[in-house]
């Protein structure tokens, strides 16, 4: 959760929402998710935060994990894949 110390852009909730929009209705490997996330998100996200965000989404029953193939798949029917995030940490989300 964002607070005085954690900016909203650094929070797992914001990162998780963006990851969910990246996965959409596809199945993706962890490396694919992280690659797209770090290309499009305003700041570089370490692998630890990506894994924590995926864990959070799994616990919230938003994604499914295929243990055999290591795929992450969204379990949501309608996923908004049009999220727009600022290009720099100081810009505001639109």
N, C-alpha and C. Protein backbone atom coordinates (compact mmCIF):
# COMPACT_ATOMS: atom_id res chain seq x y z
N UNK A 1 0.84 -1.19 0.00
CA UNK A 1 0.00 0.00 0.00
C UNK A 1 0.88 1.25 0.00
N UNK A 2 0.50 2.24 -0.73
CA UNK A 2 1.24 3.50 -0.68
C UNK A 2 1.07 4.16 0.70
N UNK A 3 2.11 4.78 1.16
CA UNK A 3 2.08 5.53 2.42
C UNK A 3 3.10 6.66 2.32
N UNK A 4 3.52 7.19 3.47
CA UNK A 4 4.48 8.31 3.44
C UNK A 4 5.83 7.88 2.85
N UNK A 5 6.18 6.60 3.02
CA UNK A 5 7.48 6.12 2.58
C UNK A 5 7.39 5.53 1.17
N UNK A 6 6.35 4.77 0.90
CA UNK A 6 6.19 4.11 -0.40
C UNK A 6 5.33 4.95 -1.31
N UNK A 7 5.88 5.32 -2.46
CA UNK A 7 5.12 6.06 -3.45
C UNK A 7 4.15 5.10 -4.14
N UNK A 8 3.03 5.60 -4.64
CA UNK A 8 2.08 4.73 -5.34
C UNK A 8 2.72 3.94 -6.48
N UNK A 9 3.65 4.54 -7.18
CA UNK A 9 4.28 3.87 -8.32
C UNK A 9 5.14 2.69 -7.88
N UNK A 10 5.60 2.69 -6.60
CA UNK A 10 6.42 1.61 -6.07
C UNK A 10 5.61 0.53 -5.38
N UNK A 11 4.30 0.73 -5.23
CA UNK A 11 3.49 -0.21 -4.46
C UNK A 11 3.18 -1.48 -5.25
N UNK A 12 3.06 -2.59 -4.53
CA UNK A 12 2.73 -3.86 -5.17
C UNK A 12 1.36 -3.83 -5.81
N UNK A 13 0.44 -3.06 -5.26
CA UNK A 13 -0.90 -2.99 -5.83
C UNK A 13 -0.86 -2.36 -7.22
N UNK A 14 -0.11 -1.28 -7.38
CA UNK A 14 0.01 -0.63 -8.69
C UNK A 14 0.73 -1.53 -9.68
N UNK A 15 1.80 -2.15 -9.22
CA UNK A 15 2.57 -3.05 -10.09
C UNK A 15 1.71 -4.24 -10.49
N UNK A 16 0.95 -4.78 -9.53
CA UNK A 16 0.08 -5.93 -9.80
C UNK A 16 -0.99 -5.60 -10.84
N UNK A 17 -1.58 -4.43 -10.72
CA UNK A 17 -2.59 -4.01 -11.69
C UNK A 17 -2.01 -3.90 -13.09
N UNK A 18 -0.81 -3.39 -13.18
CA UNK A 18 -0.18 -3.26 -14.49
C UNK A 18 0.19 -4.63 -15.05
N UNK A 19 0.67 -5.52 -14.18
CA UNK A 19 0.99 -6.89 -14.61
C UNK A 19 -0.27 -7.58 -15.13
N UNK A 20 -1.38 -7.40 -14.44
CA UNK A 20 -2.63 -8.01 -14.88
C UNK A 20 -3.03 -7.51 -16.26
N UNK A 21 -2.82 -6.23 -16.51
CA UNK A 21 -3.14 -5.69 -17.83
C UNK A 21 -2.17 -6.20 -18.90
N UNK A 22 -0.93 -6.51 -18.51
CA UNK A 22 0.04 -7.06 -19.46
C UNK A 22 -0.34 -8.48 -19.84
N UNK A 23 -0.69 -9.28 -18.83
CA UNK A 23 -1.04 -10.67 -19.09
C UNK A 23 -2.31 -10.75 -19.94
N UNK A 24 -3.29 -9.91 -19.61
CA UNK A 24 -4.54 -9.90 -20.37
C UNK A 24 -5.17 -11.27 -20.39
N UNK A 25 -5.49 -11.76 -21.55
CA UNK A 25 -6.10 -13.08 -21.70
C UNK A 25 -5.12 -14.10 -22.26
N UNK A 26 -3.84 -13.81 -22.14
CA UNK A 26 -2.81 -14.70 -22.67
C UNK A 26 -2.15 -15.49 -21.55
N UNK A 27 -1.33 -16.44 -21.92
CA UNK A 27 -0.46 -17.15 -20.99
C UNK A 27 0.95 -16.65 -21.25
N UNK A 28 1.68 -16.32 -20.18
CA UNK A 28 3.01 -15.75 -20.34
C UNK A 28 3.97 -16.33 -19.32
N UNK A 29 5.25 -16.39 -19.69
CA UNK A 29 6.30 -16.77 -18.76
C UNK A 29 6.68 -15.57 -17.91
N UNK A 30 7.32 -15.84 -16.77
CA UNK A 30 7.77 -14.78 -15.87
C UNK A 30 8.69 -13.80 -16.59
N UNK A 31 9.62 -14.32 -17.37
CA UNK A 31 10.57 -13.44 -18.09
C UNK A 31 9.87 -12.51 -19.06
N UNK A 32 8.83 -13.02 -19.73
CA UNK A 32 8.06 -12.18 -20.66
C UNK A 32 7.35 -11.06 -19.91
N UNK A 33 6.73 -11.42 -18.79
CA UNK A 33 6.01 -10.42 -17.99
C UNK A 33 6.98 -9.34 -17.53
N UNK A 34 8.11 -9.75 -16.99
CA UNK A 34 9.10 -8.78 -16.47
C UNK A 34 9.67 -7.92 -17.60
N UNK A 35 9.93 -8.51 -18.73
CA UNK A 35 10.49 -7.76 -19.86
C UNK A 35 9.52 -6.66 -20.32
N UNK A 36 8.27 -7.01 -20.51
CA UNK A 36 7.27 -6.02 -20.93
C UNK A 36 7.05 -4.98 -19.85
N UNK A 37 6.98 -5.42 -18.59
CA UNK A 37 6.77 -4.49 -17.48
C UNK A 37 7.89 -3.46 -17.42
N UNK A 38 9.13 -3.89 -17.51
CA UNK A 38 10.25 -2.95 -17.40
C UNK A 38 10.41 -2.09 -18.65
N UNK A 39 9.84 -2.51 -19.75
CA UNK A 39 9.89 -1.69 -20.97
C UNK A 39 8.84 -0.57 -20.89
N UNK A 40 7.67 -0.85 -20.28
CA UNK A 40 6.56 0.08 -20.30
C UNK A 40 6.32 0.83 -18.98
N UNK A 41 6.72 0.26 -17.86
CA UNK A 41 6.48 0.90 -16.57
C UNK A 41 7.48 2.04 -16.38
N UNK A 42 7.09 3.11 -15.70
CA UNK A 42 7.97 4.29 -15.59
C UNK A 42 9.29 4.04 -14.86
N UNK A 43 9.34 3.03 -13.98
CA UNK A 43 10.59 2.73 -13.27
C UNK A 43 10.92 1.26 -13.46
N UNK A 44 12.19 0.92 -13.26
CA UNK A 44 12.63 -0.47 -13.38
C UNK A 44 12.19 -1.24 -12.13
N UNK A 45 11.53 -2.37 -12.32
CA UNK A 45 11.02 -3.17 -11.22
C UNK A 45 11.92 -4.39 -11.05
N UNK A 46 12.48 -4.59 -9.83
CA UNK A 46 13.31 -5.78 -9.61
C UNK A 46 12.47 -7.06 -9.65
N UNK A 47 13.12 -8.17 -9.96
CA UNK A 47 12.43 -9.44 -10.09
C UNK A 47 11.68 -9.82 -8.81
N UNK A 48 12.22 -9.44 -7.66
CA UNK A 48 11.57 -9.77 -6.39
C UNK A 48 10.18 -9.15 -6.30
N UNK A 49 10.05 -7.90 -6.73
CA UNK A 49 8.75 -7.22 -6.70
C UNK A 49 7.79 -7.80 -7.74
N UNK A 50 8.33 -8.24 -8.86
CA UNK A 50 7.48 -8.87 -9.88
C UNK A 50 6.90 -10.16 -9.31
N UNK A 51 7.75 -10.95 -8.65
CA UNK A 51 7.29 -12.21 -8.07
C UNK A 51 6.28 -11.96 -6.95
N UNK A 52 6.54 -10.98 -6.10
CA UNK A 52 5.59 -10.63 -5.04
C UNK A 52 4.26 -10.17 -5.62
N UNK A 53 4.30 -9.41 -6.70
CA UNK A 53 3.08 -8.96 -7.35
C UNK A 53 2.30 -10.12 -7.95
N UNK A 54 3.01 -11.07 -8.56
CA UNK A 54 2.36 -12.25 -9.11
C UNK A 54 1.75 -13.10 -7.98
N UNK A 55 2.48 -13.20 -6.86
CA UNK A 55 1.93 -13.91 -5.70
C UNK A 55 0.65 -13.25 -5.21
N UNK A 56 0.67 -11.93 -5.14
CA UNK A 56 -0.52 -11.17 -4.71
C UNK A 56 -1.70 -11.44 -5.64
N UNK A 57 -1.45 -11.39 -6.94
CA UNK A 57 -2.51 -11.65 -7.92
C UNK A 57 -3.04 -13.08 -7.80
N UNK A 58 -2.15 -14.02 -7.53
CA UNK A 58 -2.57 -15.41 -7.36
C UNK A 58 -3.44 -15.55 -6.11
N UNK A 59 -3.02 -14.94 -5.01
CA UNK A 59 -3.79 -15.00 -3.77
C UNK A 59 -5.16 -14.34 -3.91
N UNK A 60 -5.23 -13.31 -4.75
CA UNK A 60 -6.50 -12.62 -4.99
C UNK A 60 -7.34 -13.35 -6.06
N UNK A 61 -6.85 -14.48 -6.53
CA UNK A 61 -7.52 -15.29 -7.54
C UNK A 61 -7.71 -14.54 -8.86
N UNK A 62 -6.73 -13.72 -9.21
CA UNK A 62 -6.76 -12.97 -10.47
C UNK A 62 -5.96 -13.64 -11.57
N UNK A 63 -5.00 -14.49 -11.19
CA UNK A 63 -4.22 -15.24 -12.18
C UNK A 63 -4.16 -16.69 -11.75
N UNK A 64 -3.87 -17.53 -12.72
CA UNK A 64 -3.64 -18.94 -12.47
C UNK A 64 -2.20 -19.25 -12.86
N UNK A 65 -1.60 -20.18 -12.14
CA UNK A 65 -0.22 -20.57 -12.43
C UNK A 65 -0.22 -22.03 -12.84
N UNK A 66 0.31 -22.30 -14.02
CA UNK A 66 0.46 -23.67 -14.49
C UNK A 66 1.84 -24.14 -14.06
N UNK A 67 1.89 -25.00 -13.07
CA UNK A 67 3.16 -25.45 -12.49
C UNK A 67 4.02 -26.18 -13.53
N UNK A 68 3.41 -26.99 -14.39
CA UNK A 68 4.17 -27.77 -15.36
C UNK A 68 4.87 -26.89 -16.39
N UNK A 69 4.18 -25.87 -16.88
CA UNK A 69 4.77 -25.04 -17.93
C UNK A 69 5.26 -23.69 -17.43
N UNK A 70 5.00 -23.38 -16.16
CA UNK A 70 5.41 -22.10 -15.55
C UNK A 70 4.74 -20.90 -16.23
N UNK A 71 3.54 -21.11 -16.77
CA UNK A 71 2.77 -20.03 -17.38
C UNK A 71 1.93 -19.30 -16.33
N UNK A 72 1.77 -18.01 -16.52
CA UNK A 72 0.84 -17.21 -15.73
C UNK A 72 -0.30 -16.84 -16.67
N UNK A 73 -1.53 -17.08 -16.26
CA UNK A 73 -2.70 -16.79 -17.07
C UNK A 73 -3.71 -16.04 -16.23
N UNK A 74 -4.30 -15.00 -16.78
CA UNK A 74 -5.32 -14.24 -16.07
C UNK A 74 -6.58 -15.08 -15.94
N UNK A 75 -7.18 -15.03 -14.75
CA UNK A 75 -8.44 -15.74 -14.55
C UNK A 75 -9.62 -14.78 -14.65
N UNK A 76 -9.34 -13.51 -14.97
CA UNK A 76 -10.39 -12.50 -15.12
C UNK A 76 -10.96 -12.58 -16.54
N UNK A 77 -12.25 -12.37 -16.65
CA UNK A 77 -12.88 -12.41 -17.97
C UNK A 77 -12.62 -11.13 -18.75
N UNK A 78 -12.75 -9.99 -18.10
CA UNK A 78 -12.55 -8.71 -18.77
C UNK A 78 -11.38 -7.99 -18.11
N UNK A 79 -10.26 -7.97 -18.78
CA UNK A 79 -9.08 -7.31 -18.26
C UNK A 79 -8.83 -6.06 -19.08
N UNK A 80 -8.69 -4.92 -18.41
CA UNK A 80 -8.39 -3.67 -19.10
C UNK A 80 -6.91 -3.67 -19.46
N UNK A 81 -6.62 -3.80 -20.74
CA UNK A 81 -5.23 -3.80 -21.19
C UNK A 81 -4.80 -2.44 -21.71
N UNK A 82 -5.60 -1.42 -21.46
CA UNK A 82 -5.30 -0.08 -21.95
C UNK A 82 -4.85 0.86 -20.85
N UNK A 83 -4.22 0.34 -19.80
CA UNK A 83 -3.75 1.21 -18.72
C UNK A 83 -2.64 2.11 -19.24
N UNK A 84 -2.70 3.36 -18.89
CA UNK A 84 -1.68 4.32 -19.29
C UNK A 84 -0.96 4.81 -18.04
N UNK A 85 0.33 4.58 -17.98
CA UNK A 85 1.12 5.03 -16.85
C UNK A 85 2.06 6.13 -17.30
N UNK A 86 2.43 7.00 -16.37
CA UNK A 86 3.34 8.09 -16.74
C UNK A 86 4.70 7.53 -17.14
N UNK A 87 5.39 8.26 -17.99
CA UNK A 87 6.70 7.82 -18.45
C UNK A 87 7.80 8.13 -17.43
N UNK A 88 7.57 9.08 -16.55
CA UNK A 88 8.53 9.39 -15.50
C UNK A 88 7.82 9.32 -14.16
N UNK A 89 8.55 9.04 -13.08
CA UNK A 89 7.92 8.93 -11.76
C UNK A 89 7.20 10.20 -11.29
N UNK A 90 7.53 11.37 -11.84
CA UNK A 90 6.92 12.61 -11.37
C UNK A 90 5.66 13.00 -12.14
N UNK A 91 5.40 12.33 -13.28
CA UNK A 91 4.17 12.62 -14.04
C UNK A 91 2.97 12.01 -13.34
N UNK A 92 1.79 12.52 -13.64
CA UNK A 92 0.56 11.99 -13.08
C UNK A 92 -0.07 11.00 -14.04
N UNK A 93 -0.74 9.99 -13.47
CA UNK A 93 -1.44 9.00 -14.28
C UNK A 93 -2.66 9.64 -14.93
N UNK A 94 -2.97 9.22 -16.14
CA UNK A 94 -4.14 9.75 -16.84
C UNK A 94 -5.13 8.64 -17.07
